[in-house]
Amino acid sequence: MPARIPQGPMHEIQRLYYDIASATSDITFGALTKFVPISQLLFGSDFPYWPNSRIVEGLESIGLSSGEIRAIERDNALWLFPAYAGAADR
């Protein structure tokens, strides 16, 4: 295994992107942001089990700046998938 992941599994896990569908409480979001930066968080939903409004309200309730919310809701995904960036602005 060290030959395949020389910096260890934790390094590889921290390179991933995570959706925040069920991680908008203070505790879960706080734990997630100790693990990865906000730039690796994406708006995700568990629709139809959780309405999108619940996720939006959760993000607003944990004290993020408007720029951090915009990053999670839109900008991080556009950075990850640049081919969609032009279409999103239309």
PDB file of N, CA and C in Angstrom:
ATOM      1  N   MET A   1       0.806  -1.191   0.000  1.00  0.00           N
ATOM      2  CA  MET A   1       0.000   0.000   0.000  1.00  0.00           C
ATOM      3  C   MET A   1       0.863   1.275   0.000  1.00  0.00           C
ATOM      4  N   PRO A   2       1.938   1.368   0.728  1.00  0.00           N
ATOM      5  CA  PRO A   2       2.744   2.594   0.690  1.00  0.00           C
ATOM      6  C   PRO A   2       3.229   2.970  -0.716  1.00  0.00           C
ATOM      7  N   ALA A   3       3.428   2.003  -1.569  1.00  0.00           N
ATOM      8  CA  ALA A   3       3.862   2.314  -2.931  1.00  0.00           C
ATOM      9  C   ALA A   3       2.740   3.010  -3.722  1.00  0.00           C
ATOM     10  N   ARG A   4       1.487   2.663  -3.421  1.00  0.00           N
ATOM     11  CA  ARG A   4       0.346   3.245  -4.139  1.00  0.00           C
ATOM     12  C   ARG A   4      -0.084   4.591  -3.569  1.00  0.00           C
ATOM     13  N   ILE A   5       0.053   4.749  -2.278  1.00  0.00           N
ATOM     14  CA  ILE A   5      -0.302   6.023  -1.651  1.00  0.00           C
ATOM     15  C   ILE A   5       0.814   6.411  -0.670  1.00  0.00           C
ATOM     16  N   PRO A   6       1.904   6.926  -1.215  1.00  0.00           N
ATOM     17  CA  PRO A   6       3.092   7.180  -0.396  1.00  0.00           C
ATOM     18  C   PRO A   6       2.887   8.194   0.728  1.00  0.00           C
ATOM     19  N   GLN A   7       1.934   9.105   0.590  1.00  0.00           N
ATOM     20  CA  GLN A   7       1.699  10.091   1.652  1.00  0.00           C
ATOM     21  C   GLN A   7       0.622   9.649   2.633  1.00  0.00           C
ATOM     22  N   GLY A   8       0.144   8.425   2.462  1.00  0.00           N
ATOM     23  CA  GLY A   8      -0.826   7.859   3.384  1.00  0.00           C
ATOM     24  C   GLY A   8      -2.269   8.102   2.997  1.00  0.00           C
ATOM     25  N   PRO A   9      -3.169   7.310   3.560  1.00  0.00           N
ATOM     26  CA  PRO A   9      -4.587   7.421   3.203  1.00  0.00           C
ATOM     27  C   PRO A   9      -5.215   8.746   3.622  1.00  0.00           C
ATOM     28  N   MET A  10      -4.822   9.296   4.765  1.00  0.00           N
ATOM     29  CA  MET A  10      -5.425  10.556   5.209  1.00  0.00           C
ATOM     30  C   MET A  10      -5.148  11.682   4.209  1.00  0.00           C
ATOM     31  N   HIS A  11      -3.952  11.719   3.666  1.00  0.00           N
ATOM     32  CA  HIS A  11      -3.619  12.730   2.652  1.00  0.00           C
ATOM     33  C   HIS A  11      -4.548  12.601   1.454  1.00  0.00           C
ATOM     34  N   GLU A  12      -4.781  11.394   1.013  1.00  0.00           N
ATOM     35  CA  GLU A  12      -5.646  11.174  -0.153  1.00  0.00           C
ATOM     36  C   GLU A  12      -7.094  11.529   0.150  1.00  0.00           C
ATOM     37  N   ILE A  13      -7.564  11.194   1.339  1.00  0.00           N
ATOM     38  CA  ILE A  13      -8.946  11.507   1.716  1.00  0.00           C
ATOM     39  C   ILE A  13      -9.143  13.011   1.790  1.00  0.00           C
ATOM     40  N   GLN A  14      -8.135  13.742   2.238  1.00  0.00           N
ATOM     41  CA  GLN A  14      -8.250  15.191   2.358  1.00  0.00           C
ATOM     42  C   GLN A  14      -8.146  15.905   1.010  1.00  0.00           C
ATOM     43  N   ARG A  15      -7.863  15.192  -0.043  1.00  0.00           N
ATOM     44  CA  ARG A  15      -7.844  15.784  -1.387  1.00  0.00           C
ATOM     45  C   ARG A  15      -9.221  15.736  -2.043  1.00  0.00           C
ATOM     46  N   LEU A  16     -10.154  15.005  -1.462  1.00  0.00           N
ATOM     47  CA  LEU A  16     -11.482  14.836  -2.040  1.00  0.00           C
ATOM     48  C   LEU A  16     -12.364  16.054  -1.791  1.00  0.00           C
ATOM     49  N   TYR A  17     -13.486  16.096  -2.490  1.00  0.00           N
ATOM     50  CA  TYR A  17     -14.502  17.124  -2.313  1.00  0.00           C
ATOM     51  C   TYR A  17     -15.696  16.473  -1.634  1.00  0.00           C
ATOM     52  N   TYR A  18     -16.382  17.236  -0.810  1.00  0.00           N
ATOM     53  CA  TYR A  18     -17.482  16.698  -0.011  1.00  0.00           C
ATOM     54  C   TYR A  18     -18.721  17.558  -0.184  1.00  0.00           C
ATOM     55  N   ASP A  19     -19.893  16.894  -0.290  1.00  0.00           N
ATOM     56  CA  ASP A  19     -21.124  17.669  -0.328  1.00  0.00           C
ATOM     57  C   ASP A  19     -21.616  17.853   1.114  1.00  0.00           C
ATOM     58  N   ILE A  20     -22.348  18.905   1.322  1.00  0.00           N
ATOM     59  CA  ILE A  20     -22.754  19.268   2.671  1.00  0.00           C
ATOM     60  C   ILE A  20     -24.232  18.961   2.912  1.00  0.00           C
ATOM     61  N   ALA A  21     -24.776  17.987   2.195  1.00  0.00           N
ATOM     62  CA  ALA A  21     -26.200  17.677   2.271  1.00  0.00           C
ATOM     63  C   ALA A  21     -26.690  17.485   3.705  1.00  0.00           C
ATOM     64  N   SER A  22     -25.978  16.766   4.499  1.00  0.00           N
ATOM     65  CA  SER A  22     -26.427  16.535   5.878  1.00  0.00           C
ATOM     66  C   SER A  22     -25.374  17.000   6.876  1.00  0.00           C
ATOM     67  N   ALA A  23     -24.622  18.010   6.496  1.00  0.00           N
ATOM     68  CA  ALA A  23     -23.535  18.488   7.361  1.00  0.00           C
ATOM     69  C   ALA A  23     -23.650  19.974   7.635  1.00  0.00           C
ATOM     70  N   THR A  24     -24.859  20.451   7.887  1.00  0.00           N
ATOM     71  CA  THR A  24     -25.015  21.890   8.101  1.00  0.00           C
ATOM     72  C   THR A  24     -25.332  22.251   9.544  1.00  0.00           C
ATOM     73  N   SER A  25     -25.118  21.335  10.468  1.00  0.00           N
ATOM     74  CA  SER A  25     -25.230  21.713  11.880  1.00  0.00           C
ATOM     75  C   SER A  25     -23.861  22.202  12.329  1.00  0.00           C
ATOM     76  N   ASP A  26     -23.831  22.930  13.421  1.00  0.00           N
ATOM     77  CA  ASP A  26     -22.554  23.447  13.931  1.00  0.00           C
ATOM     78  C   ASP A  26     -21.533  22.330  14.137  1.00  0.00           C
ATOM     79  N   ILE A  27     -21.966  21.229  14.684  1.00  0.00           N
ATOM     80  CA  ILE A  27     -21.043  20.138  15.027  1.00  0.00           C
ATOM     81  C   ILE A  27     -20.503  19.458  13.773  1.00  0.00           C
ATOM     82  N   THR A  28     -21.377  19.043  12.882  1.00  0.00           N
ATOM     83  CA  THR A  28     -20.903  18.316  11.697  1.00  0.00           C
ATOM     84  C   THR A  28     -20.126  19.216  10.753  1.00  0.00           C
ATOM     85  N   PHE A  29     -20.596  20.447  10.565  1.00  0.00           N
ATOM     86  CA  PHE A  29     -19.885  21.354   9.675  1.00  0.00           C
ATOM     87  C   PHE A  29     -18.530  21.725  10.272  1.00  0.00           C
ATOM     88  N   GLY A  30     -18.507  21.944  11.568  1.00  0.00           N
ATOM     89  CA  GLY A  30     -17.243  22.251  12.242  1.00  0.00           C
ATOM     90  C   GLY A  30     -16.227  21.131  12.091  1.00  0.00           C
ATOM     91  N   ALA A  31     -16.685  19.895  12.248  1.00  0.00           N
ATOM     92  CA  ALA A  31     -15.781  18.749  12.079  1.00  0.00           C
ATOM     93  C   ALA A  31     -15.286  18.663  10.641  1.00  0.00           C
ATOM     94  N   LEU A  32     -16.179  18.870   9.698  1.00  0.00           N
ATOM     95  CA  LEU A  32     -15.806  18.786   8.285  1.00  0.00           C
ATOM     96  C   LEU A  32     -14.772  19.850   7.916  1.00  0.00           C
ATOM     97  N   THR A  33     -14.946  21.064   8.428  1.00  0.00           N
ATOM     98  CA  THR A  33     -14.006  22.128   8.073  1.00  0.00           C
ATOM     99  C   THR A  33     -12.681  22.037   8.833  1.00  0.00           C
ATOM    100  N   LYS A  34     -12.600  21.181   9.823  1.00  0.00           N
ATOM    101  CA  LYS A  34     -11.301  20.887  10.434  1.00  0.00           C
ATOM    102  C   LYS A  34     -10.545  19.870   9.570  1.00  0.00           C
ATOM    103  N   PHE A  35     -11.283  19.179   8.755  1.00  0.00           N
ATOM    104  CA  PHE A  35     -10.746  18.119   7.907  1.00  0.00           C
ATOM    105  C   PHE A  35     -10.338  18.627   6.529  1.00  0.00           C
ATOM    106  N   VAL A  36     -11.178  19.481   5.923  1.00  0.00           N
ATOM    107  CA  VAL A  36     -10.897  20.052   4.599  1.00  0.00           C
ATOM    108  C   VAL A  36     -11.303  21.520   4.591  1.00  0.00           C
ATOM    109  N   PRO A  37     -10.699  22.332   3.715  1.00  0.00           N
ATOM    110  CA  PRO A  37     -11.084  23.744   3.630  1.00  0.00           C
ATOM    111  C   PRO A  37     -12.429  23.917   2.930  1.00  0.00           C
ATOM    112  N   ILE A  38     -13.036  25.065   3.118  1.00  0.00           N
ATOM    113  CA  ILE A  38     -14.330  25.365   2.491  1.00  0.00           C
ATOM    114  C   ILE A  38     -14.250  25.239   0.977  1.00  0.00           C
ATOM    115  N   SER A  39     -13.085  25.449   0.400  1.00  0.00           N
ATOM    116  CA  SER A  39     -12.939  25.336  -1.055  1.00  0.00           C
ATOM    117  C   SER A  39     -13.182  23.916  -1.564  1.00  0.00           C
ATOM    118  N   GLN A  40     -13.265  22.942  -0.675  1.00  0.00           N
ATOM    119  CA  GLN A  40     -13.533  21.558  -1.070  1.00  0.00           C
ATOM    120  C   GLN A  40     -14.928  21.094  -0.669  1.00  0.00           C
ATOM    121  N   LEU A  41     -15.792  22.034  -0.365  1.00  0.00           N
ATOM    122  CA  LEU A  41     -17.164  21.715   0.008  1.00  0.00           C
ATOM    123  C   LEU A  41     -18.102  22.152  -1.108  1.00  0.00           C
ATOM    124  N   LEU A  42     -19.071  21.314  -1.385  1.00  0.00           N
ATOM    125  CA  LEU A  42     -20.011  21.557  -2.476  1.00  0.00           C
ATOM    126  C   LEU A  42     -21.436  21.431  -1.963  1.00  0.00           C
ATOM    127  N   PHE A  43     -22.318  22.248  -2.526  1.00  0.00           N
ATOM    128  CA  PHE A  43     -23.734  22.117  -2.183  1.00  0.00           C
ATOM    129  C   PHE A  43     -24.223  20.794  -2.735  1.00  0.00           C
ATOM    130  N   GLY A  44     -24.764  20.004  -1.870  1.00  0.00           N
ATOM    131  CA  GLY A  44     -25.346  18.732  -2.278  1.00  0.00           C
ATOM    132  C   GLY A  44     -26.661  18.577  -1.554  1.00  0.00           C
ATOM    133  N   SER A  45     -27.524  17.777  -2.083  1.00  0.00           N
ATOM    134  CA  SER A  45     -28.799  17.553  -1.406  1.00  0.00           C
ATOM    135  C   SER A  45     -29.076  16.064  -1.365  1.00  0.00           C
ATOM    136  N   ASP A  46     -29.904  15.700  -0.438  1.00  0.00           N
ATOM    137  CA  ASP A  46     -30.394  14.328  -0.381  1.00  0.00           C
ATOM    138  C   ASP A  46     -31.858  14.314  -0.794  1.00  0.00           C
ATOM    139  N   PHE A  47     -32.170  15.157  -1.787  1.00  0.00           N
ATOM    140  CA  PHE A  47     -33.530  15.245  -2.294  1.00  0.00           C
ATOM    141  C   PHE A  47     -33.974  13.866  -2.762  1.00  0.00           C
ATOM    142  N   PRO A  48     -35.109  13.411  -2.448  1.00  0.00           N
ATOM    143  CA  PRO A  48     -36.244  14.080  -1.817  1.00  0.00           C
ATOM    144  C   PRO A  48     -36.296  13.925  -0.294  1.00  0.00           C
ATOM    145  N   TYR A  49     -35.286  13.342   0.311  1.00  0.00           N
ATOM    146  CA  TYR A  49     -35.314  13.091   1.753  1.00  0.00           C
ATOM    147  C   TYR A  49     -35.102  14.351   2.580  1.00  0.00           C
ATOM    148  N   TRP A  50     -34.291  15.278   2.092  1.00  0.00           N
ATOM    149  CA  TRP A  50     -34.060  16.573   2.738  1.00  0.00           C
ATOM    150  C   TRP A  50     -34.355  17.648   1.704  1.00  0.00           C
ATOM    151  N   PRO A  51     -35.240  18.564   1.997  1.00  0.00           N
ATOM    152  CA  PRO A  51     -35.486  19.633   1.033  1.00  0.00           C
ATOM    153  C   PRO A  51     -34.274  20.571   0.958  1.00  0.00           C
ATOM    154  N   ASN A  52     -34.036  21.123  -0.211  1.00  0.00           N
ATOM    155  CA  ASN A  52     -32.915  22.055  -0.384  1.00  0.00           C
ATOM    156  C   ASN A  52     -33.000  23.233   0.572  1.00  0.00           C
ATOM    157  N   SER A  53     -34.211  23.667   0.895  1.00  0.00           N
ATOM    158  CA  SER A  53     -34.374  24.808   1.800  1.00  0.00           C
ATOM    159  C   SER A  53     -33.766  24.514   3.170  1.00  0.00           C
ATOM    160  N   ARG A  54     -33.827  23.285   3.599  1.00  0.00           N
ATOM    161  CA  ARG A  54     -33.236  22.914   4.898  1.00  0.00           C
ATOM    162  C   ARG A  54     -31.717  23.072   4.867  1.00  0.00           C
ATOM    163  N   ILE A  55     -31.102  22.732   3.754  1.00  0.00           N
ATOM    164  CA  ILE A  55     -29.648  22.848   3.620  1.00  0.00           C
ATOM    165  C   ILE A  55     -29.257  24.323   3.554  1.00  0.00           C
ATOM    166  N   VAL A  56     -29.997  25.109   2.794  1.00  0.00           N
ATOM    167  CA  VAL A  56     -29.721  26.545   2.688  1.00  0.00           C
ATOM    168  C   VAL A  56     -29.866  27.203   4.058  1.00  0.00           C
ATOM    169  N   GLU A  57     -30.932  26.902   4.763  1.00  0.00           N
ATOM    170  CA  GLU A  57     -31.144  27.468   6.099  1.00  0.00           C
ATOM    171  C   GLU A  57     -30.026  27.035   7.052  1.00  0.00           C
ATOM    172  N   GLY A  58     -29.589  25.792   6.931  1.00  0.00           N
ATOM    173  CA  GLY A  58     -28.497  25.307   7.767  1.00  0.00           C
ATOM    174  C   GLY A  58     -27.212  26.067   7.513  1.00  0.00           C
ATOM    175  N   LEU A  59     -26.893  26.309   6.253  1.00  0.00           N
ATOM    176  CA  LEU A  59     -25.689  27.083   5.916  1.00  0.00           C
ATOM    177  C   LEU A  59     -25.771  28.490   6.483  1.00  0.00           C
ATOM    178  N   GLU A  60     -26.932  29.097   6.367  1.00  0.00           N
ATOM    179  CA  GLU A  60     -27.099  30.462   6.865  1.00  0.00           C
ATOM    180  C   GLU A  60     -27.018  30.528   8.387  1.00  0.00           C
ATOM    181  N   SER A  61     -27.375  29.453   9.075  1.00  0.00           N
ATOM    182  CA  SER A  61     -27.427  29.469  10.536  1.00  0.00           C
ATOM    183  C   SER A  61     -26.075  29.230  11.205  1.00  0.00           C
ATOM    184  N   ILE A  62     -25.066  28.800  10.472  1.00  0.00           N
ATOM    185  CA  ILE A  62     -23.791  28.464  11.123  1.00  0.00           C
ATOM    186  C   ILE A  62     -22.765  29.584  11.043  1.00  0.00           C
ATOM    187  N   GLY A  63     -23.190  30.745  10.589  1.00  0.00           N
ATOM    188  CA  GLY A  63     -22.335  31.920  10.658  1.00  0.00           C
ATOM    189  C   GLY A  63     -21.285  32.062   9.574  1.00  0.00           C
ATOM    190  N   LEU A  64     -21.560  31.530   8.401  1.00  0.00           N
ATOM    191  CA  LEU A  64     -20.622  31.684   7.288  1.00  0.00           C
ATOM    192  C   LEU A  64     -20.782  33.058   6.659  1.00  0.00           C
ATOM    193  N   SER A  65     -19.726  33.528   6.048  1.00  0.00           N
ATOM    194  CA  SER A  65     -19.812  34.787   5.311  1.00  0.00           C
ATOM    195  C   SER A  65     -20.575  34.541   4.005  1.00  0.00           C
ATOM    196  N   SER A  66     -21.025  35.621   3.385  1.00  0.00           N
ATOM    197  CA  SER A  66     -21.728  35.467   2.110  1.00  0.00           C
ATOM    198  C   SER A  66     -20.804  34.872   1.046  1.00  0.00           C
ATOM    199  N   GLY A  67     -19.514  35.199   1.107  1.00  0.00           N
ATOM    200  CA  GLY A  67     -18.557  34.623   0.158  1.00  0.00           C
ATOM    201  C   GLY A  67     -18.370  33.127   0.367  1.00  0.00           C
ATOM    202  N   GLU A  68     -18.355  32.694   1.612  1.00  0.00           N
ATOM    203  CA  GLU A  68     -18.221  31.256   1.886  1.00  0.00           C
ATOM    204  C   GLU A  68     -19.459  30.499   1.432  1.00  0.00           C
ATOM    205  N   ILE A  69     -20.627  31.081   1.659  1.00  0.00           N
ATOM    206  CA  ILE A  69     -21.865  30.439   1.202  1.00  0.00           C
ATOM    207  C   ILE A  69     -21.882  30.367  -0.321  1.00  0.00           C
ATOM    208  N   ARG A  70     -21.505  31.446  -0.976  1.00  0.00           N
ATOM    209  CA  ARG A  70     -21.462  31.450  -2.454  1.00  0.00           C
ATOM    210  C   ARG A  70     -20.476  30.405  -2.966  1.00  0.00           C
ATOM    211  N   ALA A  71     -19.352  30.249  -2.293  1.00  0.00           N
ATOM    212  CA  ALA A  71     -18.362  29.242  -2.700  1.00  0.00           C
ATOM    213  C   ALA A  71     -18.974  27.849  -2.627  1.00  0.00           C
ATOM    214  N   ILE A  72     -19.640  27.550  -1.526  1.00  0.00           N
ATOM    215  CA  ILE A  72     -20.231  26.220  -1.340  1.00  0.00           C
ATOM    216  C   ILE A  72     -21.386  26.003  -2.315  1.00  0.00           C
ATOM    217  N   GLU A  73     -22.220  27.004  -2.464  1.00  0.00           N
ATOM    218  CA  GLU A  73     -23.405  26.851  -3.309  1.00  0.00           C
ATOM    219  C   GLU A  73     -23.102  26.890  -4.804  1.00  0.00           C
ATOM    220  N   ARG A  74     -21.984  27.525  -5.200  1.00  0.00           N
ATOM    221  CA  ARG A  74     -21.772  27.729  -6.632  1.00  0.00           C
ATOM    222  C   ARG A  74     -20.312  27.690  -7.072  1.00  0.00           C
ATOM    223  N   ASP A  75     -19.493  28.551  -6.494  1.00  0.00           N
ATOM    224  CA  ASP A  75     -18.153  28.785  -7.028  1.00  0.00           C
ATOM    225  C   ASP A  75     -17.233  27.574  -6.967  1.00  0.00           C
ATOM    226  N   ASN A  76     -17.301  26.788  -5.893  1.00  0.00           N
ATOM    227  CA  ASN A  76     -16.433  25.609  -5.803  1.00  0.00           C
ATOM    228  C   ASN A  76     -16.745  24.613  -6.916  1.00  0.00           C
ATOM    229  N   ALA A  77     -18.013  24.434  -7.202  1.00  0.00           N
ATOM    230  CA  ALA A  77     -18.403  23.514  -8.278  1.00  0.00           C
ATOM    231  C   ALA A  77     -17.944  24.027  -9.637  1.00  0.00           C
ATOM    232  N   LEU A  78     -18.061  25.339  -9.850  1.00  0.00           N
ATOM    233  CA  LEU A  78     -17.630  25.893 -11.128  1.00  0.00           C
ATOM    234  C   LEU A  78     -16.120  25.788 -11.301  1.00  0.00           C
ATOM    235  N   TRP A  79     -15.383  25.917 -10.205  1.00  0.00           N
ATOM    236  CA  TRP A  79     -13.925  25.744 -10.280  1.00  0.00           C
ATOM    237  C   TRP A  79     -13.593  24.287 -10.596  1.00  0.00           C
ATOM    238  N   LEU A  80     -14.332  23.368  -9.993  1.00  0.00           N
ATOM    239  CA  LEU A  80     -14.086  21.942 -10.200  1.00  0.00           C
ATOM    240  C   LEU A  80     -14.496  21.492 -11.599  1.00  0.00           C
ATOM    241  N   PHE A  81     -15.542  22.103 -12.136  1.00  0.00           N
ATOM    242  CA  PHE A  81     -16.061  21.756 -13.461  1.00  0.00           C
ATOM    243  C   PHE A  81     -16.073  23.001 -14.339  1.00  0.00           C
ATOM    244  N   PRO A  82     -14.922  23.476 -14.782  1.00  0.00           N
ATOM    245  CA  PRO A  82     -14.847  24.759 -15.502  1.00  0.00           C
ATOM    246  C   PRO A  82     -15.630  24.781 -16.810  1.00  0.00           C
ATOM    247  N   ALA A  83     -15.881  23.633 -17.399  1.00  0.00           N
ATOM    248  CA  ALA A  83     -16.641  23.617 -18.654  1.00  0.00           C
ATOM    249  C   ALA A  83     -18.055  24.159 -18.468  1.00  0.00           C
ATOM    250  N   TYR A  84     -18.562  24.109 -17.231  1.00  0.00           N
ATOM    251  CA  TYR A  84     -19.902  24.598 -16.962  1.00  0.00           C
ATOM    252  C   TYR A  84     -19.938  26.052 -16.517  1.00  0.00           C
ATOM    253  N   ALA A  85     -18.785  26.646 -16.311  1.00  0.00           N
ATOM    254  CA  ALA A  85     -18.706  28.017 -15.799  1.00  0.00           C
ATOM    255  C   ALA A  85     -19.394  29.007 -16.737  1.00  0.00           C
ATOM    256  N   GLY A  86     -19.159  28.918 -18.026  1.00  0.00           N
ATOM    257  CA  GLY A  86     -19.782  29.840 -18.977  1.00  0.00           C
ATOM    258  C   GLY A  86     -21.271  29.667 -19.042  1.00  0.00           C
ATOM    259  N   ALA A  87     -21.750  28.437 -18.986  1.00  0.00           N
ATOM    260  CA  ALA A  87     -23.181  28.175 -19.052  1.00  0.00           C
ATOM    261  C   ALA A  87     -23.885  28.678 -17.803  1.00  0.00           C
ATOM    262  N   ALA A  88     -23.219  28.655 -16.656  1.00  0.00           N
ATOM    263  CA  ALA A  88     -23.847  29.074 -15.404  1.00  0.00           C
ATOM    264  C   ALA A  88     -24.095  30.564 -15.361  1.00  0.00           C
ATOM    265  N   ASP A  89     -23.327  31.334 -16.113  1.00  0.00           N
ATOM    266  CA  ASP A  89     -23.484  32.782 -16.089  1.00  0.00           C
ATOM    267  C   ASP A  89     -24.546  33.280 -17.060  1.00  0.00           C
ATOM    268  N   ARG A  90     -25.116  32.405 -17.833  1.00  0.00           N
ATOM    269  CA  ARG A  90     -26.125  32.814 -18.816  1.00  0.00           C
ATOM    270  C   ARG A  90     -27.474  32.976 -18.186  1.00  0.00           C
TER     271      ARG A  90
END
